[in-house]
Every structure is written in structure tokens, then in C-alpha cells.
Protein backbone atom coordinates (compact mmCIF):
# COMPACT_ATOMS: atom_id res chain seq x y z
CA MET A 1 -64.90 34.08 -35.03
CA VAL A 2 -62.02 35.33 -37.09
CA LEU A 3 -59.87 35.81 -33.96
CA GLY A 4 -60.71 32.05 -33.02
CA ILE A 5 -59.66 30.93 -36.38
CA ASN A 6 -56.37 32.90 -36.07
CA LYS A 7 -55.69 31.35 -32.72
CA LEU A 8 -56.29 27.98 -34.02
CA LYS A 9 -53.76 28.64 -36.94
CA LYS A 10 -51.31 30.04 -34.67
CA ALA A 11 -51.58 27.05 -32.22
CA ALA A 12 -51.19 24.68 -35.25
CA ALA A 13 -48.11 26.59 -36.50
CA ASN A 14 -46.59 26.29 -32.99
CA THR A 15 -47.30 22.60 -32.76
CA GLN A 16 -45.67 22.06 -36.05
CA LYS A 17 -42.58 23.95 -34.85
CA ARG A 18 -42.55 22.00 -31.78
CA THR A 19 -42.88 18.65 -33.85
CA LEU A 20 -40.11 19.77 -36.14
CA PHE A 21 -37.90 20.62 -33.20
CA THR A 22 -38.65 17.36 -31.43
CA ASN A 23 -37.96 15.29 -34.52
CA ALA A 24 -34.71 17.17 -35.20
CA VAL A 25 -33.71 16.49 -31.51
CA TRP A 26 -34.39 12.83 -31.87
CA ASN A 27 -32.50 12.54 -35.07
CA TRP A 28 -29.54 14.38 -33.65
CA LEU A 29 -29.61 12.12 -30.60
CA GLY A 30 -29.55 9.05 -32.86
CA PHE A 31 -26.70 10.61 -34.69
CA ILE A 32 -24.64 11.35 -31.41
CA VAL A 33 -25.12 7.88 -30.25
CA SER A 34 -24.20 6.43 -33.77
CA MET A 35 -21.11 8.56 -33.70
CA ALA A 36 -20.13 7.45 -30.27
CA ILE A 37 -20.51 3.71 -31.44
CA THR A 38 -18.50 4.43 -34.55
CA PHE A 39 -15.72 6.18 -32.49
CA VAL A 40 -15.38 3.20 -30.17
CA MET A 41 -15.89 0.43 -32.83
CA CYS A 42 -13.65 1.77 -35.69
CA PRO A 43 -10.29 0.98 -33.77
CA VAL A 44 -11.69 -2.44 -32.65
CA LEU A 45 -12.55 -3.33 -36.24
CA VAL A 46 -9.37 -2.00 -37.79
CA HIS A 47 -7.01 -3.66 -35.31
CA GLY A 48 -9.18 -6.67 -34.97
CA LEU A 49 -9.32 -7.43 -38.65
CA GLY A 50 -6.04 -6.06 -39.55
CA ASP A 51 -5.41 -3.47 -42.62
CA ALA A 52 -5.82 -5.87 -45.38
CA ARG A 53 -9.06 -7.50 -44.18
CA TYR A 54 -10.66 -4.25 -43.16
CA GLY A 55 -9.61 -2.83 -46.62
CA VAL A 56 -11.40 -5.86 -48.27
CA TRP A 57 -14.46 -5.28 -45.95
CA SER A 58 -14.63 -1.58 -47.09
CA LEU A 59 -14.10 -2.35 -50.77
CA ILE A 60 -16.92 -5.09 -50.93
CA GLU A 61 -19.22 -2.79 -48.78
CA ALA A 62 -18.75 -0.08 -51.35
CA LEU A 63 -19.46 -2.68 -54.17
CA VAL A 64 -22.67 -3.97 -52.50
CA ALA A 65 -23.85 -0.32 -52.15
CA TYR A 66 -24.50 -0.48 -55.85
CA ILE A 67 -26.92 -3.34 -55.36
CA ALA A 68 -28.78 -1.15 -52.95
CA LEU A 69 -29.73 1.01 -55.88
CA LEU A 70 -32.57 -1.33 -56.50
CA ASP A 71 -34.44 0.86 -54.01
CA LEU A 72 -35.33 2.80 -57.23
CA GLY A 73 -36.08 5.93 -55.11
CA ILE A 74 -39.38 4.50 -54.09
CA GLY A 75 -38.70 4.88 -50.46
CA ALA A 76 -39.08 8.78 -50.66
CA SER A 77 -42.49 8.33 -52.46
CA VAL A 78 -43.69 5.82 -49.79
CA VAL A 79 -43.03 8.47 -47.05
CA ARG A 80 -44.99 11.10 -48.93
CA TYR A 81 -48.05 8.89 -49.61
CA ILE A 82 -48.25 7.07 -46.26
CA ALA A 83 -48.31 10.54 -44.57
CA LYS A 84 -50.94 11.82 -46.92
CA PHE A 85 -53.37 8.74 -46.75
CA GLU A 86 -53.01 8.50 -42.91
CA GLU A 87 -53.75 12.24 -42.57
CA VAL A 88 -57.18 11.84 -44.37
CA LYS A 89 -57.73 8.33 -42.74
CA ASP A 90 -57.91 6.70 -46.20
CA GLN A 91 -57.09 3.10 -45.03
CA GLU A 92 -57.78 1.56 -48.40
CA ASN A 93 -55.28 3.56 -50.35
CA LEU A 94 -52.83 3.42 -47.53
CA ASN A 95 -52.91 -0.43 -47.69
CA ARG A 96 -52.59 -0.32 -51.59
CA VAL A 97 -49.51 1.73 -51.30
CA PHE A 98 -48.06 -0.55 -48.70
CA SER A 99 -48.99 -3.64 -50.51
CA THR A 100 -47.66 -2.38 -53.83
CA THR A 101 -44.50 -1.25 -52.43
CA LEU A 102 -43.80 -4.34 -50.42
CA CYS A 103 -44.47 -6.52 -53.46
CA ILE A 104 -41.92 -4.34 -55.40
CA PHE A 105 -39.24 -4.75 -52.78
CA LEU A 106 -39.90 -8.34 -52.38
CA GLY A 107 -38.89 -8.62 -55.97
CA THR A 108 -35.97 -6.28 -55.75
CA GLY A 109 -34.70 -7.99 -52.58
CA THR A 110 -34.82 -11.26 -54.26
CA ALA A 111 -32.80 -9.80 -57.27
CA ALA A 112 -30.18 -8.36 -54.81
CA ALA A 113 -29.69 -11.78 -53.23
CA CYS A 114 -29.36 -13.44 -56.66
CA VAL A 115 -26.96 -10.81 -57.90
CA SER A 116 -24.73 -11.17 -54.90
CA ALA A 117 -24.91 -14.99 -55.13
CA GLY A 118 -23.83 -14.87 -58.80
CA MET A 119 -20.93 -12.52 -58.13
CA ALA A 120 -19.77 -14.65 -55.17
CA ALA A 121 -19.90 -17.83 -57.35
CA LEU A 122 -18.27 -16.44 -60.46
CA TRP A 123 -15.86 -13.90 -59.14
CA HIS A 124 -12.87 -16.05 -57.80
CA ARG A 125 -10.63 -13.26 -56.74
CA PRO A 126 -12.50 -10.15 -56.17
CA PHE A 127 -10.67 -7.04 -56.78
CA GLY A 128 -7.50 -9.21 -57.20
CA VAL A 129 -7.25 -9.94 -53.49
CA SER A 130 -4.74 -12.63 -52.38
CA LEU A 131 -5.76 -16.25 -52.64
CA GLU A 132 -5.64 -16.23 -48.82
CA LEU A 133 -8.48 -13.72 -48.68
CA ALA A 134 -10.32 -14.86 -51.88
CA THR A 135 -12.76 -17.33 -50.14
CA GLU A 136 -13.52 -14.75 -47.43
CA ALA A 137 -14.13 -12.00 -49.91
CA ARG A 138 -16.53 -14.17 -51.78
CA TRP A 139 -18.55 -15.14 -48.69
CA LEU A 140 -18.58 -11.60 -47.86
CA ILE A 141 -20.13 -10.48 -51.20
CA LEU A 142 -22.80 -13.14 -50.59
CA LEU A 143 -23.66 -12.28 -46.97
CA LEU A 144 -23.49 -8.43 -47.44
CA GLY A 145 -25.75 -8.96 -50.58
CA VAL A 146 -28.22 -10.87 -48.48
CA ASN A 147 -28.08 -8.08 -45.98
CA VAL A 148 -29.02 -5.43 -48.65
CA ALA A 149 -31.86 -7.65 -49.78
CA ILE A 150 -33.33 -7.74 -46.05
CA GLN A 151 -32.79 -4.01 -45.85
CA LEU A 152 -34.86 -3.43 -49.08
CA VAL A 153 -37.70 -5.37 -47.75
CA VAL A 154 -37.80 -4.15 -44.12
CA GLY A 155 -37.08 -0.72 -45.50
CA VAL A 156 -40.72 -0.35 -46.49
CA TYR A 157 -41.66 -0.60 -42.74
CA SER A 158 -38.99 1.98 -41.83
CA ALA A 159 -40.50 4.28 -44.64
CA VAL A 160 -43.94 3.78 -42.88
CA LEU A 161 -42.53 4.97 -39.63
CA TYR A 162 -41.05 8.02 -41.39
CA GLY A 163 -44.15 8.85 -43.06
CA LEU A 164 -46.06 8.77 -39.65
CA GLY A 165 -43.56 11.10 -38.13
CA GLN A 166 -42.48 8.46 -35.53
CA PHE A 167 -38.78 9.55 -35.50
CA ALA A 168 -38.49 8.67 -31.81
CA THR A 169 -39.43 5.20 -32.43
CA LYS A 170 -37.14 4.85 -35.37
CA VAL A 171 -34.14 6.32 -33.31
CA LYS A 172 -34.87 4.15 -30.35
CA ILE A 173 -34.73 0.97 -32.44
CA ARG A 174 -31.60 2.02 -34.22
CA ILE A 175 -29.75 2.98 -31.06
CA SER A 176 -30.71 -0.28 -29.28
CA MET A 177 -29.50 -2.55 -32.18
CA GLY A 178 -26.41 -0.48 -32.67
CA LEU A 179 -25.37 -1.06 -28.99
CA VAL A 180 -26.35 -4.74 -29.25
CA SER A 181 -24.46 -5.30 -32.50
CA ALA A 182 -21.30 -3.33 -31.05
CA ALA A 183 -21.23 -5.64 -28.10
CA LEU A 184 -21.65 -8.80 -30.41
CA ILE A 185 -18.77 -7.49 -32.73
CA VAL A 186 -16.39 -7.30 -29.77
CA ALA A 187 -17.31 -10.88 -28.70
CA VAL A 188 -16.91 -12.08 -32.29
CA LEU A 189 -13.53 -10.61 -32.64
CA SER A 190 -12.28 -11.63 -29.25
CA LEU A 191 -13.11 -15.17 -30.21
CA GLY A 192 -11.05 -14.96 -33.36
CA GLY A 193 -13.94 -14.30 -35.80
CA GLY A 194 -13.03 -12.80 -39.26
CA LEU A 195 -15.00 -11.48 -42.27
CA VAL A 196 -17.43 -14.16 -42.62
CA ALA A 197 -18.36 -14.21 -38.91
CA LEU A 198 -18.86 -10.53 -38.83
CA ALA A 199 -20.91 -10.41 -41.99
CA SER A 200 -23.17 -13.09 -40.65
CA LEU A 201 -23.56 -11.19 -37.42
CA PHE A 202 -24.50 -8.02 -39.36
CA THR A 203 -27.06 -9.87 -41.55
CA ALA A 204 -28.68 -11.34 -38.41
CA CYS A 205 -28.70 -8.07 -36.68
CA THR A 206 -30.46 -6.44 -39.71
CA LEU A 207 -33.09 -9.21 -39.73
CA VAL A 208 -33.73 -8.65 -36.05
CA GLN A 209 -34.05 -4.86 -36.47
CA GLY A 210 -36.39 -5.42 -39.30
CA LEU A 211 -38.72 -7.54 -37.24
CA ILE A 212 -38.72 -5.10 -34.42
CA THR A 213 -39.67 -2.38 -36.96
CA MET A 214 -42.54 -4.52 -38.19
CA ILE A 215 -43.96 -4.84 -34.81
CA ALA A 216 -43.65 -1.16 -34.21
CA VAL A 217 -45.54 -0.33 -37.43
CA GLN A 218 -48.27 -2.78 -36.54
CA ARG A 219 -48.65 -0.98 -33.18
CA TYR A 220 -49.16 2.38 -34.79
CA LEU A 221 -51.35 1.09 -37.76
CA PRO A 222 -53.05 -2.05 -36.54
CA ASP A 223 -55.25 -2.08 -39.71
CA LEU A 224 -52.36 -2.00 -42.09
CA ARG A 225 -52.11 -5.23 -44.14
CA PHE A 226 -50.42 -6.71 -47.15
CA SER A 227 -52.65 -8.34 -49.76
CA PRO A 228 -51.73 -9.35 -53.36
CA SER A 229 -55.27 -8.16 -54.43
CA LEU A 230 -54.33 -4.62 -53.38
CA VAL A 231 -51.28 -4.53 -55.67
CA ASP A 232 -52.25 -2.68 -58.87
CA ARG A 233 -50.79 -0.88 -61.71
CA GLU A 234 -52.33 2.49 -60.83
CA THR A 235 -50.76 2.66 -57.50
CA PHE A 236 -47.47 1.70 -58.97
CA LYS A 237 -47.74 4.71 -61.48
CA ILE A 238 -48.43 7.05 -58.60
CA ILE A 239 -45.31 5.82 -56.64
CA ARG A 240 -43.10 5.71 -59.75
CA GLY A 241 -44.19 9.26 -60.85
CA TYR A 242 -42.57 10.84 -57.74
CA SER A 243 -39.60 8.53 -57.41
CA ALA A 244 -37.91 8.85 -61.01
CA LEU A 245 -35.86 11.93 -60.33
CA ALA A 246 -35.34 10.92 -56.71
CA PHE A 247 -33.95 7.65 -57.99
CA VAL A 248 -31.52 9.40 -60.27
CA THR A 249 -30.29 11.68 -57.47
CA MET A 250 -29.83 8.71 -55.23
CA MET A 251 -28.14 6.69 -57.94
CA ALA A 252 -25.66 9.26 -58.65
CA GLY A 253 -24.90 10.06 -55.07
CA ARG A 254 -24.37 6.53 -54.15
CA ILE A 255 -22.09 5.81 -57.07
CA GLY A 256 -20.15 8.99 -56.36
CA TYR A 257 -19.33 8.10 -52.87
CA SER A 258 -18.70 4.29 -53.22
CA SER A 259 -16.68 4.80 -56.38
CA GLN A 260 -13.86 6.53 -54.36
CA THR A 261 -13.34 3.52 -52.38
CA VAL A 262 -13.48 1.34 -55.33
CA ILE A 263 -10.94 3.40 -57.26
CA VAL A 264 -8.53 3.00 -54.46
CA GLY A 265 -9.03 -0.77 -54.42
CA ALA A 266 -8.72 -1.01 -58.14
CA PHE A 267 -5.42 0.83 -58.21
CA LEU A 268 -3.71 0.27 -54.97
CA ALA A 269 -3.21 -2.60 -52.42
CA PRO A 270 -6.19 -3.34 -50.00
CA GLN A 271 -4.49 -1.77 -47.01
CA TYR A 272 -4.63 1.73 -48.69
CA VAL A 273 -8.49 1.26 -48.81
CA THR A 274 -8.41 1.28 -45.02
CA PHE A 275 -6.32 4.53 -44.85
CA PHE A 276 -8.63 6.05 -47.32
CA VAL A 277 -11.86 4.89 -45.50
CA VAL A 278 -10.55 6.20 -42.03
CA ALA A 279 -10.34 9.61 -43.59
CA GLY A 280 -13.48 9.43 -45.43
CA ARG A 281 -15.44 8.03 -42.54
CA MET A 282 -14.47 11.20 -40.38
CA THR A 283 -16.05 13.49 -43.05
CA ALA A 284 -18.89 11.19 -43.46
CA ILE A 285 -19.76 11.47 -39.81
CA VAL A 286 -19.86 15.28 -40.09
CA ARG A 287 -22.13 14.97 -43.21
CA SER A 288 -24.55 12.53 -41.48
CA GLY A 289 -24.75 14.72 -38.30
CA LEU A 290 -25.82 17.83 -40.27
CA LEU A 291 -28.14 15.83 -42.63
CA SER A 292 -29.89 14.35 -39.49
CA ILE A 293 -30.83 18.09 -38.55
CA VAL A 294 -32.24 19.15 -41.92
CA SER A 295 -33.80 15.96 -42.96
CA VAL A 296 -37.04 16.94 -41.01
CA LEU A 297 -37.44 20.08 -43.11
CA THR A 298 -38.87 18.71 -46.30
CA PRO A 299 -42.59 18.47 -45.10
CA ALA A 300 -42.42 22.05 -43.63
CA ILE A 301 -41.09 23.44 -46.99
CA SER A 302 -43.84 21.50 -48.80
CA ALA A 303 -46.42 23.24 -46.58
CA LEU A 304 -44.98 26.63 -47.21
CA GLU A 305 -45.04 25.79 -51.11
CA ALA A 306 -48.64 24.75 -50.87
CA ARG A 307 -49.59 28.22 -49.19
CA GLY A 308 -47.56 29.96 -51.79
CA ASP A 309 -45.31 31.65 -49.33
CA GLN A 310 -42.19 31.93 -51.48
CA ASP A 311 -40.81 34.69 -49.16
CA ALA A 312 -40.60 32.35 -46.21
CA ILE A 313 -38.90 29.68 -48.30
CA ARG A 314 -36.37 32.32 -49.46
CA ARG A 315 -35.76 33.30 -45.85
CA ALA A 316 -35.38 29.74 -44.80
CA PHE A 317 -32.91 29.13 -47.51
CA ILE A 318 -30.75 32.26 -46.54
CA VAL A 319 -30.92 32.19 -42.87
CA GLY A 320 -30.72 28.34 -42.75
CA THR A 321 -27.65 28.29 -44.91
CA ARG A 322 -25.84 30.89 -42.79
CA TYR A 323 -26.77 28.84 -39.55
CA MET A 324 -25.32 25.70 -41.40
CA LEU A 325 -22.23 27.59 -42.25
CA TRP A 326 -21.67 28.70 -38.60
CA ILE A 327 -21.91 25.09 -37.55
CA VAL A 328 -19.85 23.76 -40.49
CA LEU A 329 -16.69 26.08 -40.26
CA PRO A 330 -15.45 25.22 -36.84
CA ILE A 331 -15.79 21.58 -37.61
CA GLU A 332 -13.94 21.92 -40.94
CA VAL A 333 -11.02 23.92 -39.12
CA GLY A 334 -11.11 21.49 -36.42
CA LEU A 335 -10.54 18.65 -38.71
CA LEU A 336 -7.56 20.62 -40.23
CA VAL A 337 -6.09 21.56 -37.02
CA TYR A 338 -6.71 18.57 -34.77
CA GLY A 339 -7.17 15.81 -37.42
CA LYS A 340 -3.63 14.51 -37.07
CA PRO A 341 -3.46 14.32 -33.19
CA PHE A 342 -7.00 12.85 -33.17
CA LEU A 343 -6.07 9.93 -35.62
CA SER A 344 -2.88 9.36 -33.71
CA LEU A 345 -4.88 9.05 -30.32
CA TRP A 346 -7.87 7.33 -32.00
CA LEU A 347 -6.04 4.59 -34.10
CA GLY A 348 -2.41 5.01 -33.86
CA GLU A 349 0.58 7.02 -35.28
CA GLN A 350 0.63 4.95 -38.45
CA TYR A 351 -3.13 6.10 -39.40
CA ALA A 352 -2.16 9.69 -38.52
CA GLN A 353 0.65 9.63 -41.06
CA GLN A 354 -1.14 7.90 -43.92
CA SER A 355 -4.76 9.25 -43.45
CA TYR A 356 -4.34 12.81 -42.43
CA PRO A 357 -3.26 14.23 -45.94
CA THR A 358 -6.38 12.45 -47.34
CA LEU A 359 -8.38 14.00 -44.50
CA VAL A 360 -7.25 17.47 -45.16
CA ILE A 361 -8.08 17.28 -48.91
CA LEU A 362 -11.59 15.73 -48.14
CA SER A 363 -12.22 18.35 -45.47
CA LEU A 364 -11.66 21.48 -47.50
CA PRO A 365 -14.94 21.68 -49.49
CA LEU A 366 -17.09 20.92 -46.63
CA CYS A 367 -17.77 24.69 -46.02
CA LEU A 368 -19.23 24.89 -49.55
CA SER A 369 -21.00 21.52 -49.70
CA LEU A 370 -22.72 20.98 -46.34
CA PRO A 371 -24.60 24.23 -46.20
CA GLN A 372 -26.23 23.30 -49.42
CA SER A 373 -27.70 20.15 -47.80
CA LEU A 374 -30.43 22.49 -46.62
CA GLY A 375 -30.90 23.72 -50.18
CA VAL A 376 -31.35 19.99 -51.21
CA ARG A 377 -34.11 19.57 -48.70
CA ILE A 378 -35.93 22.79 -50.00
CA LEU A 379 -35.68 21.27 -53.62
CA TYR A 380 -37.28 18.09 -52.30
CA GLY A 381 -39.94 19.99 -50.45
CA ILE A 382 -40.98 22.00 -53.58
CA GLY A 383 -40.65 19.13 -55.95
CA ARG A 384 -37.83 20.75 -58.15
CA LEU A 385 -35.56 17.87 -58.44
CA LYS A 386 -34.43 18.19 -62.24
CA GLY A 387 -31.56 20.52 -61.49
CA LEU A 388 -30.48 18.53 -58.37
CA ALA A 389 -30.37 15.37 -60.37
CA VAL A 390 -28.17 16.99 -63.07
CA ALA A 391 -25.85 18.40 -60.54
CA THR A 392 -25.54 15.20 -58.62
CA VAL A 393 -24.83 13.15 -61.92
CA LEU A 394 -22.17 15.77 -62.82
CA TRP A 395 -20.61 15.38 -59.44
CA ALA A 396 -20.47 11.64 -59.50
CA THR A 397 -19.01 11.68 -63.18
CA PHE A 398 -16.37 14.18 -62.45
CA GLY A 399 -15.37 12.50 -59.19
CA ILE A 400 -14.74 9.20 -61.00
CA ILE A 401 -12.87 10.79 -63.97
CA PHE A 402 -10.68 12.99 -61.84
CA GLY A 403 -10.01 10.14 -59.32
CA VAL A 404 -8.96 7.69 -61.93
CA ILE A 405 -6.69 10.25 -63.64
CA LEU A 406 -5.15 11.41 -60.38
CA VAL A 407 -4.72 8.07 -58.51
CA THR A 408 -2.12 6.87 -60.85
CA HIS A 409 0.07 10.06 -60.15
CA ILE A 410 -0.56 10.87 -56.45
CA GLY A 411 -2.04 7.73 -54.98
CA LEU A 412 -4.64 8.19 -52.21
CA GLU A 413 -4.52 11.87 -52.12
CA GLY A 414 -5.36 11.89 -55.95
CA VAL A 415 -8.58 10.12 -55.29
CA ALA A 416 -9.38 12.59 -52.57
CA LEU A 417 -8.45 15.54 -54.75
CA GLY A 418 -10.70 14.37 -57.51
CA ALA A 419 -13.54 14.11 -55.05
CA SER A 420 -13.00 17.34 -53.54
CA VAL A 421 -12.72 19.31 -56.93
CA SER A 422 -15.92 17.69 -58.07
CA THR A 423 -17.57 18.61 -54.86
CA VAL A 424 -16.55 22.20 -55.32
CA ILE A 425 -17.99 22.30 -58.82
CA TYR A 426 -21.24 20.56 -57.57
CA SER A 427 -21.69 23.03 -54.59
CA LEU A 428 -21.28 26.17 -56.87
CA LEU A 429 -23.67 24.73 -59.53
CA LEU A 430 -26.38 23.80 -56.85
CA ALA A 431 -26.05 27.21 -55.18
CA GLN A 432 -26.68 28.79 -58.71
CA ILE A 433 -29.72 26.42 -59.30
CA LEU A 434 -31.22 27.24 -55.84
CA CYS A 435 -30.75 31.07 -56.33
CA ARG A 436 -32.37 30.82 -59.79
CA ILE A 437 -35.44 28.80 -58.66
CA LEU A 438 -35.96 30.80 -55.49
CA ASP A 439 -35.30 34.07 -57.20
CA VAL A 440 -32.47 35.17 -54.97
CA ASN A 441 -29.56 37.27 -56.34
CA ILE A 442 -26.46 35.18 -56.11
CA PHE A 443 -24.21 37.90 -54.78
CA ASN A 444 -26.70 38.88 -52.09
CA TYR A 445 -26.79 35.26 -51.21
CA ALA A 446 -23.17 34.98 -50.75
CA ARG A 447 -22.97 38.10 -48.76
CA LEU A 448 -25.85 37.33 -46.49
CA THR A 449 -24.85 33.60 -45.83
CA MET A 450 -20.97 33.77 -45.69
CA LEU A 451 -19.75 37.15 -44.54
CA LYS A 452 -20.28 36.90 -40.76
CA PRO A 453 -19.17 33.23 -40.33
CA LEU A 454 -16.10 33.72 -42.45
CA ALA A 455 -15.14 36.95 -40.51
CA ALA A 456 -15.49 35.10 -37.12
CA MET A 457 -13.59 31.98 -37.98
CA PRO A 458 -9.91 33.32 -37.95
CA ILE A 459 -10.37 34.14 -34.31
CA ALA A 460 -11.27 30.63 -33.19
CA TRP A 461 -8.47 29.20 -35.60
CA ALA A 462 -5.81 31.41 -33.88
CA ILE A 463 -7.00 30.22 -30.27
CA TRP A 464 -6.79 26.64 -31.46
CA GLU A 465 -3.24 27.05 -32.93
CA PHE A 466 -2.14 29.01 -29.83
CA GLY A 467 -3.74 26.32 -27.62
CA MET A 468 -1.91 23.58 -29.46
CA HIS A 469 1.33 25.20 -28.80
CA LEU A 470 0.41 26.02 -25.18
CA ILE A 471 -1.02 22.56 -24.39
CA PRO A 472 0.15 19.97 -27.06
CA PRO A 473 -2.74 17.60 -27.49
CA THR A 474 -0.82 14.40 -26.50
CA ASN A 475 -3.93 13.02 -24.87
CA TRP A 476 -7.74 13.10 -25.00
CA ALA A 477 -7.99 15.55 -21.97
CA SER A 478 -5.61 18.18 -23.54
CA LEU A 479 -7.26 17.77 -27.05
CA ILE A 480 -10.79 18.33 -25.50
CA LEU A 481 -9.61 21.31 -23.48
CA THR A 482 -8.00 23.24 -26.32
CA GLY A 483 -10.70 22.26 -28.79
CA ALA A 484 -13.46 23.54 -26.36
CA THR A 485 -11.72 26.66 -25.80
CA GLY A 486 -11.79 27.83 -29.37
CA THR A 487 -15.35 26.37 -29.86
CA ILE A 488 -16.76 28.37 -26.98
CA ALA A 489 -15.03 31.60 -28.13
CA TYR A 490 -16.36 30.98 -31.61
CA ALA A 491 -19.96 30.37 -30.25
CA VAL A 492 -19.87 33.53 -28.26
CA ILE A 493 -18.75 35.60 -31.34
CA GLY A 494 -21.38 33.92 -33.41
CA GLY A 495 -24.14 34.65 -31.04
CA LEU A 496 -23.19 38.36 -30.76
CA ALA A 497 -22.90 38.40 -34.58
CA GLU A 498 -26.40 36.98 -35.02
CA PHE A 499 -28.43 38.52 -32.17
CA GLY A 500 -26.24 41.37 -30.76
CA LEU A 501 -26.29 42.06 -27.15
CA ASP A 502 -29.72 40.26 -26.98
CA ALA A 503 -28.06 36.90 -27.61
CA PRO A 504 -28.56 35.57 -23.95
CA SER A 505 -32.37 35.99 -24.43
CA HIS A 506 -32.40 34.18 -27.63
CA PHE A 507 -30.44 31.36 -26.09
CA ARG A 508 -32.75 31.21 -23.14
CA TYR A 509 -35.77 31.10 -25.48
CA PHE A 510 -34.18 28.22 -27.42
CA PHE A 511 -33.61 26.34 -24.17
CA ASN A 512 -37.10 26.83 -22.97
CA ALA A 513 -38.51 25.83 -26.24
CA SER A 514 -36.32 22.57 -26.12
CA ARG A 515 -37.95 21.64 -22.77
CA LYS A 516 -41.58 21.77 -24.08
């Protein structure tokens, strides 16, 4: 009997691991396709709109991101309770959470549309743009605000899919709509469409994607329904209780990232926003790619916490952080070594000259900040968000203060430097918070996570530098060839450092697991 129970537990654990792996693969696939679309579409948008108009688009997009804070962190709470009530087949409470949340977001969506309409009506020259662009900028504020309002409402359905663990469905919908919208953007620009036409297209695509998501949710939960009679105060209290610190963290994070673009627009001409956004987008792609991997870990960490297995959480923290650093380091060095030729081939020599210094500064703290994203997932999993919220607020505050001070002295690079310095402070503070909560010695943490990757990195860097002199990256083929050579050498060194001479068997195990 005991042996049978142990077998069932082992089978359940293996099933959970396969599910986590499958979800991570789907998220990674979604990121790869999104990155490919961004790679193709960024030059199309920049050259199709021109530096000034693309700068206005980026500025207003950053401004409208503040309106999206009306999410209030409730989305994270919906994921948790949808998963909980679906697991125990409590349809009534599931419908209560769904109805209450949808009612909240219908209200916040309406507020978002009203705020954007008021700004568009009263702000005659947003960010002091030229009179030629003022009318387009005002329409852009209105349309992107309506787009956010739609996202808030349909985001409830997206959170339901997340709570059900239907990552494959979410990714399929996102990829399909990404490809369709990319094709439509090319068509609109080829017909001479500008900011208003593009914003209308984006809003329409968001609405269509939302309708498809609603249909998918009804397929998985045919008994799910919205009813005003199911909206009650007790359910709202349950949702709000989990979301308060998540909201503070989300708000500070969104303000921190969008404020960088706003500072550039407030102190410099719109075209400089384009140069800044190009560099920022490259680092944002790296950040999104790694977050897509670790975002599926929160439920697993919660399960370990429920079982009281603190040792397993500590191991996940240390080993996972080291693996993340193995991934981040070559990407960071690649941006430093190949960033300028990449920008030249991707967008043109002007952007290589204007954006590369900013890219270098924004890339430097990646080796500190991105490995901590796994620690953030752990904090969400164990419900210890207070320290994370404080660290994120400090990061956003320092970034704004440093950016405003430095932009007047060194321009674009000043904003980037302010962001990077605040990121270093945030990363060190967060590492200290995690080590204290998980009872890990900070010096042992640094030794166990950083020593091997940092020792291996100079070899790959030397290969890349030698390759650049041997085969100058003047075209895509030569850039990919030299980049792949250093990456393969680094991967071999990393495999030997982690697994020794038994590395091939570990890679075979990983490959076989990925096929199940």
C-alpha cells in the first residue's frame, strides 16, 4: 500500500515536471516568434513613420502605460483563485471570482477610456510636439487609451487561461494575431498610413484577440458565466487581499520603465526618443525572453512552500540563479561586442552611431538584474512580496531622480546611466532580501552562483573579439557565423563546468524529456 502511494506521488511529481517543462517551452516559443516579429517590424515602423513620428508613438505609448496601472494587480489574484476553484470543481466560487473581477475591469476600462479622452481633448500639444504632429498625437492618446481599456476587460479572460494552465492556447492566439497584425501594419504603411491609422489597427487587433480569447475560455469552461448577482463584497475582499503588494510592485515597475522614455521626451527632441527606444527595446527583448522561462515557476514554488520543503526552495534559488547567469552572460557580452554592427545591419548606420552608446550602458547591469528574476518568482510563490515591493519602488524612484539629473548633462546616455545605476542598487538589495528570507549566506550565494559562469565568459569573449577581426561582421552571415562560434564554445565550457565529462548524458536526458 505504501509503495503504491509512493509510486502515485512520484508519478504526480513527474507529471508536474513535464507540465512545467511543456509550459516553459510554449512560453519560450511565443517569445521566439514575438522576437522575430519585432526584429522584422521595428525597421519597418521606424523607417515607415520616420524618427519624429516613431518618437511620438513611443512617448505616448509610455504615457498610456500609466493608465494600464488600473489593473491594480488584480490579474495575479485572478490566476491564483481560478486555478484553486477549478482544481476543487467549485463552480459557484469560480463564477463569483470571474463575475466580480470582470465587473471591476469593466469599471476600470471605462475609466481608462475617459482619462485618455480627457487628455486628448485638453492637451493641445502633447510633450510640446510640433503643430504638424499635435493633432496626430492627440488622436494617438485617445486610440491607445481605448486599446488599454479593451486590454483591461479581455485581460480577465486571459488570466482565466493562465489560471487553467492553458499556456499553449494563449501562445497560439498571441502568435496568430502577431503575424496578422504585422502583415496589416505593412499594408497600412505601404498605403501611406500614419500614426492614427496604425493606432486604429492596433486597437482593432486587440479587440479581435480578446474575442478569440473569450471563445477559448468558454471552450475550456462551458459553465463559466457572468452575472451581476454574483458580484459581492466578500469576493472582492479575497481578491484585493492578495493583490495589494502585487499592485505596488507592478506600479513601481511600470513607472520605472516608462519614465525613462518620458524623461527623454521631456528634455530632448522626439527623434531622440527613437534612438533611446531602439536600444531599450533590445534589452527589453532579452528580459522578456528570460521572464518567459521563469514565469511558470511560481505555482511549483508555492507547492514546495505548502509542503514546508525549504531546502528544495533554496536549491532552486541557488542552482536556478546560476543557470540564469550562464544564459545571461553571453547575451550581455554579445550585445557589447556585436551591438553596433547588429544595429547597423538592422536599422542603418545612423542608429548604430546614436543608439549603441545607450545600448552599452543599458546592457551592463543585465548580469545582475536578470538572474534575480528567478528570485522574484520565488517571492511570489511563497507570498513574501513586501521586500520586493520596497526594492522596486526604490528602483523606480532612483531611476527617475538620476535620469532627470543626468539627462541635462549627458543627454540620452544620462538617462541610460541613471537607469543602470538604479538597477544595480535594486539587484544587490533584492539579492540580500532573498538570501535573508531563504536563510542563505550571501557570500556562499555569490560563490555558488557566479564563480563558474564568470570564469568561463572571458574565453567566449576572446573568441568573439578574434572572430570580429578575422571575419568582420559586415553582413548577416558573417555576424551569425562569428557569434555562433563563441556561443558554442561557451556552451561546451558551461556543460563541462556543470556536469563534467558526463555532460553529454545530461544533454541526452534533457532532449528525451523535451520529446515526452
